[in-house]
Amino acid sequence: MTILRDVFAELFGMFVGDARLSAAILAVVALAALLIEVAQVDPLIGGGVLLLGCLAVVVEAVRRASLREATRVSSSHPDSH
């Protein structure tokens, strides 16, 4: 049982760890579902929206993390000038 508890704790931690990423992915999934179900868009197009939207969200999250890391590194090293 402790293995299951550890697995669920890790999964929960992944979603809570970056709430902005989780919310954006959920928004993309909801948008794709709405397009398919409500707007009667072809499921292949909805899948494309899902794919491209998730890729865009992940790329933005990586970009934001790299900028945050670059700022952290540059602020920890004082200028030699």
N, C-alpha and C. Protein backbone atom coordinates (compact mmCIF):
# COMPACT_ATOMS: atom_id res chain seq x y z
N MET A 1 0.82 -1.20 0.00
CA MET A 1 0.00 0.00 0.00
C MET A 1 0.85 1.26 0.00
N THR A 2 2.05 1.21 0.59
CA THR A 2 2.87 2.41 0.62
C THR A 2 3.36 2.78 -0.78
N ILE A 3 3.52 1.80 -1.65
CA ILE A 3 3.94 2.09 -3.02
C ILE A 3 2.83 2.87 -3.73
N LEU A 4 1.60 2.43 -3.58
CA LEU A 4 0.48 3.15 -4.20
C LEU A 4 0.36 4.57 -3.65
N ARG A 5 0.53 4.70 -2.35
CA ARG A 5 0.45 6.02 -1.73
C ARG A 5 1.57 6.92 -2.27
N ASP A 6 2.78 6.37 -2.43
CA ASP A 6 3.90 7.14 -2.96
C ASP A 6 3.65 7.55 -4.40
N VAL A 7 3.10 6.64 -5.20
CA VAL A 7 2.80 6.95 -6.60
C VAL A 7 1.78 8.07 -6.68
N PHE A 8 0.71 7.97 -5.91
CA PHE A 8 -0.32 9.01 -5.94
C PHE A 8 0.21 10.34 -5.41
N ALA A 9 1.09 10.29 -4.42
CA ALA A 9 1.69 11.52 -3.90
C ALA A 9 2.56 12.18 -4.97
N GLU A 10 3.31 11.39 -5.73
CA GLU A 10 4.13 11.93 -6.81
C GLU A 10 3.27 12.54 -7.90
N LEU A 11 2.21 11.84 -8.30
CA LEU A 11 1.32 12.36 -9.34
C LEU A 11 0.68 13.67 -8.89
N PHE A 12 0.21 13.70 -7.66
CA PHE A 12 -0.39 14.92 -7.13
C PHE A 12 0.64 16.05 -7.09
N GLY A 13 1.86 15.73 -6.68
CA GLY A 13 2.92 16.73 -6.63
C GLY A 13 3.27 17.29 -7.99
N MET A 14 3.19 16.46 -9.03
CA MET A 14 3.47 16.94 -10.38
C MET A 14 2.44 17.98 -10.81
N PHE A 15 1.18 17.75 -10.49
CA PHE A 15 0.14 18.69 -10.89
C PHE A 15 0.17 19.96 -10.06
N VAL A 16 0.45 19.82 -8.79
CA VAL A 16 0.47 20.99 -7.91
C VAL A 16 1.78 21.76 -8.08
N GLY A 17 2.84 21.08 -8.47
CA GLY A 17 4.14 21.71 -8.61
C GLY A 17 4.15 22.86 -9.60
N ASP A 18 3.44 22.74 -10.68
CA ASP A 18 3.35 23.82 -11.66
C ASP A 18 1.87 23.99 -12.02
N ALA A 19 1.19 24.73 -11.20
CA ALA A 19 -0.26 24.90 -11.37
C ALA A 19 -0.59 25.60 -12.68
N ARG A 20 0.25 26.53 -13.11
CA ARG A 20 0.00 27.25 -14.36
C ARG A 20 0.04 26.28 -15.55
N LEU A 21 1.01 25.38 -15.54
CA LEU A 21 1.12 24.38 -16.61
C LEU A 21 -0.09 23.46 -16.61
N SER A 22 -0.47 22.98 -15.45
CA SER A 22 -1.63 22.09 -15.34
C SER A 22 -2.91 22.78 -15.82
N ALA A 23 -3.10 24.03 -15.41
CA ALA A 23 -4.30 24.76 -15.81
C ALA A 23 -4.32 25.00 -17.32
N ALA A 24 -3.17 25.32 -17.89
CA ALA A 24 -3.11 25.57 -19.33
C ALA A 24 -3.40 24.30 -20.12
N ILE A 25 -2.85 23.17 -19.69
CA ILE A 25 -3.11 21.90 -20.38
C ILE A 25 -4.60 21.54 -20.27
N LEU A 26 -5.18 21.72 -19.09
CA LEU A 26 -6.61 21.44 -18.94
C LEU A 26 -7.45 22.36 -19.82
N ALA A 27 -7.03 23.61 -19.98
CA ALA A 27 -7.75 24.54 -20.85
C ALA A 27 -7.67 24.10 -22.31
N VAL A 28 -6.52 23.61 -22.73
CA VAL A 28 -6.37 23.14 -24.11
C VAL A 28 -7.24 21.91 -24.34
N VAL A 29 -7.25 21.01 -23.38
CA VAL A 29 -8.09 19.80 -23.50
C VAL A 29 -9.57 20.20 -23.56
N ALA A 30 -9.98 21.13 -22.71
CA ALA A 30 -11.38 21.58 -22.72
C ALA A 30 -11.73 22.27 -24.04
N LEU A 31 -10.81 23.07 -24.57
CA LEU A 31 -11.06 23.73 -25.85
C LEU A 31 -11.24 22.71 -26.97
N ALA A 32 -10.36 21.71 -27.01
CA ALA A 32 -10.47 20.67 -28.04
C ALA A 32 -11.79 19.91 -27.90
N ALA A 33 -12.17 19.59 -26.68
CA ALA A 33 -13.43 18.88 -26.46
C ALA A 33 -14.62 19.73 -26.88
N LEU A 34 -14.60 21.01 -26.55
CA LEU A 34 -15.69 21.90 -26.94
C LEU A 34 -15.78 22.04 -28.47
N LEU A 35 -14.64 22.14 -29.10
CA LEU A 35 -14.66 22.24 -30.56
C LEU A 35 -15.29 21.01 -31.19
N ILE A 36 -14.95 19.85 -30.67
CA ILE A 36 -15.46 18.60 -31.24
C ILE A 36 -16.94 18.42 -30.89
N GLU A 37 -17.29 18.60 -29.64
CA GLU A 37 -18.65 18.29 -29.18
C GLU A 37 -19.66 19.40 -29.48
N VAL A 38 -19.30 20.64 -29.24
CA VAL A 38 -20.25 21.74 -29.36
C VAL A 38 -20.24 22.33 -30.77
N ALA A 39 -19.04 22.62 -31.28
CA ALA A 39 -18.94 23.25 -32.59
C ALA A 39 -18.98 22.24 -33.73
N GLN A 40 -19.03 20.96 -33.40
CA GLN A 40 -19.11 19.89 -34.40
C GLN A 40 -17.95 19.94 -35.40
N VAL A 41 -16.76 20.30 -34.88
CA VAL A 41 -15.56 20.31 -35.71
C VAL A 41 -15.11 18.86 -35.89
N ASP A 42 -14.50 18.57 -37.03
CA ASP A 42 -14.00 17.23 -37.30
C ASP A 42 -13.03 16.81 -36.18
N PRO A 43 -13.14 15.60 -35.66
CA PRO A 43 -12.26 15.16 -34.57
C PRO A 43 -10.77 15.24 -34.92
N LEU A 44 -10.43 15.08 -36.19
CA LEU A 44 -9.03 15.19 -36.59
C LEU A 44 -8.52 16.62 -36.37
N ILE A 45 -9.35 17.60 -36.65
CA ILE A 45 -8.97 18.99 -36.39
C ILE A 45 -8.88 19.24 -34.89
N GLY A 46 -9.83 18.70 -34.14
CA GLY A 46 -9.78 18.82 -32.68
C GLY A 46 -8.50 18.19 -32.12
N GLY A 47 -8.11 17.07 -32.69
CA GLY A 47 -6.86 16.43 -32.27
C GLY A 47 -5.66 17.29 -32.59
N GLY A 48 -5.71 17.96 -33.76
CA GLY A 48 -4.63 18.88 -34.11
C GLY A 48 -4.55 20.05 -33.16
N VAL A 49 -5.71 20.58 -32.78
CA VAL A 49 -5.74 21.66 -31.79
C VAL A 49 -5.15 21.18 -30.46
N LEU A 50 -5.51 19.97 -30.08
CA LEU A 50 -4.99 19.39 -28.84
C LEU A 50 -3.47 19.25 -28.91
N LEU A 51 -2.97 18.69 -30.01
CA LEU A 51 -1.52 18.49 -30.18
C LEU A 51 -0.78 19.82 -30.18
N LEU A 52 -1.19 20.72 -31.03
CA LEU A 52 -0.48 22.01 -31.14
C LEU A 52 -0.62 22.84 -29.87
N GLY A 53 -1.79 22.80 -29.26
CA GLY A 53 -1.98 23.55 -28.02
C GLY A 53 -1.10 23.03 -26.89
N CYS A 54 -1.05 21.72 -26.74
CA CYS A 54 -0.21 21.14 -25.68
C CYS A 54 1.27 21.42 -25.94
N LEU A 55 1.68 21.31 -27.20
CA LEU A 55 3.07 21.63 -27.53
C LEU A 55 3.40 23.08 -27.22
N ALA A 56 2.49 23.98 -27.56
CA ALA A 56 2.70 25.40 -27.27
C ALA A 56 2.80 25.65 -25.77
N VAL A 57 1.96 25.00 -25.00
CA VAL A 57 1.98 25.17 -23.55
C VAL A 57 3.31 24.65 -22.97
N VAL A 58 3.76 23.51 -23.43
CA VAL A 58 5.01 22.95 -22.91
C VAL A 58 6.20 23.82 -23.32
N VAL A 59 6.23 24.29 -24.56
CA VAL A 59 7.32 25.16 -25.00
C VAL A 59 7.35 26.43 -24.16
N GLU A 60 6.19 27.02 -23.91
CA GLU A 60 6.13 28.23 -23.08
C GLU A 60 6.59 27.96 -21.65
N ALA A 61 6.22 26.81 -21.10
CA ALA A 61 6.64 26.47 -19.74
C ALA A 61 8.16 26.30 -19.66
N VAL A 62 8.74 25.67 -20.67
CA VAL A 62 10.20 25.50 -20.71
C VAL A 62 10.88 26.85 -20.87
N ARG A 63 10.35 27.71 -21.74
CA ARG A 63 10.92 29.04 -21.92
C ARG A 63 10.89 29.85 -20.63
N ARG A 64 9.75 29.79 -19.95
CA ARG A 64 9.61 30.52 -18.70
C ARG A 64 10.58 29.99 -17.63
N ALA A 65 10.74 28.67 -17.57
CA ALA A 65 11.65 28.08 -16.59
C ALA A 65 13.10 28.44 -16.90
N SER A 66 13.46 28.46 -18.18
CA SER A 66 14.84 28.81 -18.53
C SER A 66 15.13 30.27 -18.22
N LEU A 67 14.16 31.15 -18.46
CA LEU A 67 14.35 32.56 -18.10
C LEU A 67 14.48 32.74 -16.59
N ARG A 68 13.67 32.01 -15.85
CA ARG A 68 13.74 32.06 -14.40
C ARG A 68 15.10 31.57 -13.90
N GLU A 69 15.61 30.50 -14.50
CA GLU A 69 16.91 29.96 -14.11
C GLU A 69 18.04 30.92 -14.50
N ALA A 70 17.96 31.51 -15.68
CA ALA A 70 18.98 32.46 -16.10
C ALA A 70 19.02 33.67 -15.16
N THR A 71 17.85 34.12 -14.74
CA THR A 71 17.78 35.25 -13.81
C THR A 71 18.38 34.86 -12.46
N ARG A 72 18.09 33.64 -12.01
CA ARG A 72 18.61 33.18 -10.74
C ARG A 72 20.13 33.06 -10.78
N VAL A 73 20.67 32.54 -11.87
CA VAL A 73 22.12 32.36 -12.00
C VAL A 73 22.81 33.71 -12.09
N SER A 74 22.24 34.62 -12.89
CA SER A 74 22.89 35.93 -13.05
C SER A 74 22.84 36.75 -11.77
N SER A 75 21.81 36.58 -10.98
CA SER A 75 21.73 37.34 -9.73
C SER A 75 22.62 36.75 -8.64
N SER A 76 23.00 35.50 -8.78
CA SER A 76 23.87 34.89 -7.77
C SER A 76 25.34 35.16 -8.04
N HIS A 77 25.68 35.61 -9.24
CA HIS A 77 27.06 35.95 -9.62
C HIS A 77 27.18 37.45 -9.80
N PRO A 78 27.86 38.13 -8.87
CA PRO A 78 28.01 39.59 -9.01
C PRO A 78 28.89 39.93 -10.21
N ASP A 79 28.62 41.08 -10.81
CA ASP A 79 29.43 41.55 -11.94
C ASP A 79 30.85 41.79 -11.50
N SER A 80 31.79 41.53 -12.37
CA SER A 80 33.20 41.76 -12.04
C SER A 80 33.62 43.15 -12.44
N HIS A 81 32.72 43.98 -12.97
CA HIS A 81 33.07 45.35 -13.40
C HIS A 81 33.10 46.27 -12.23
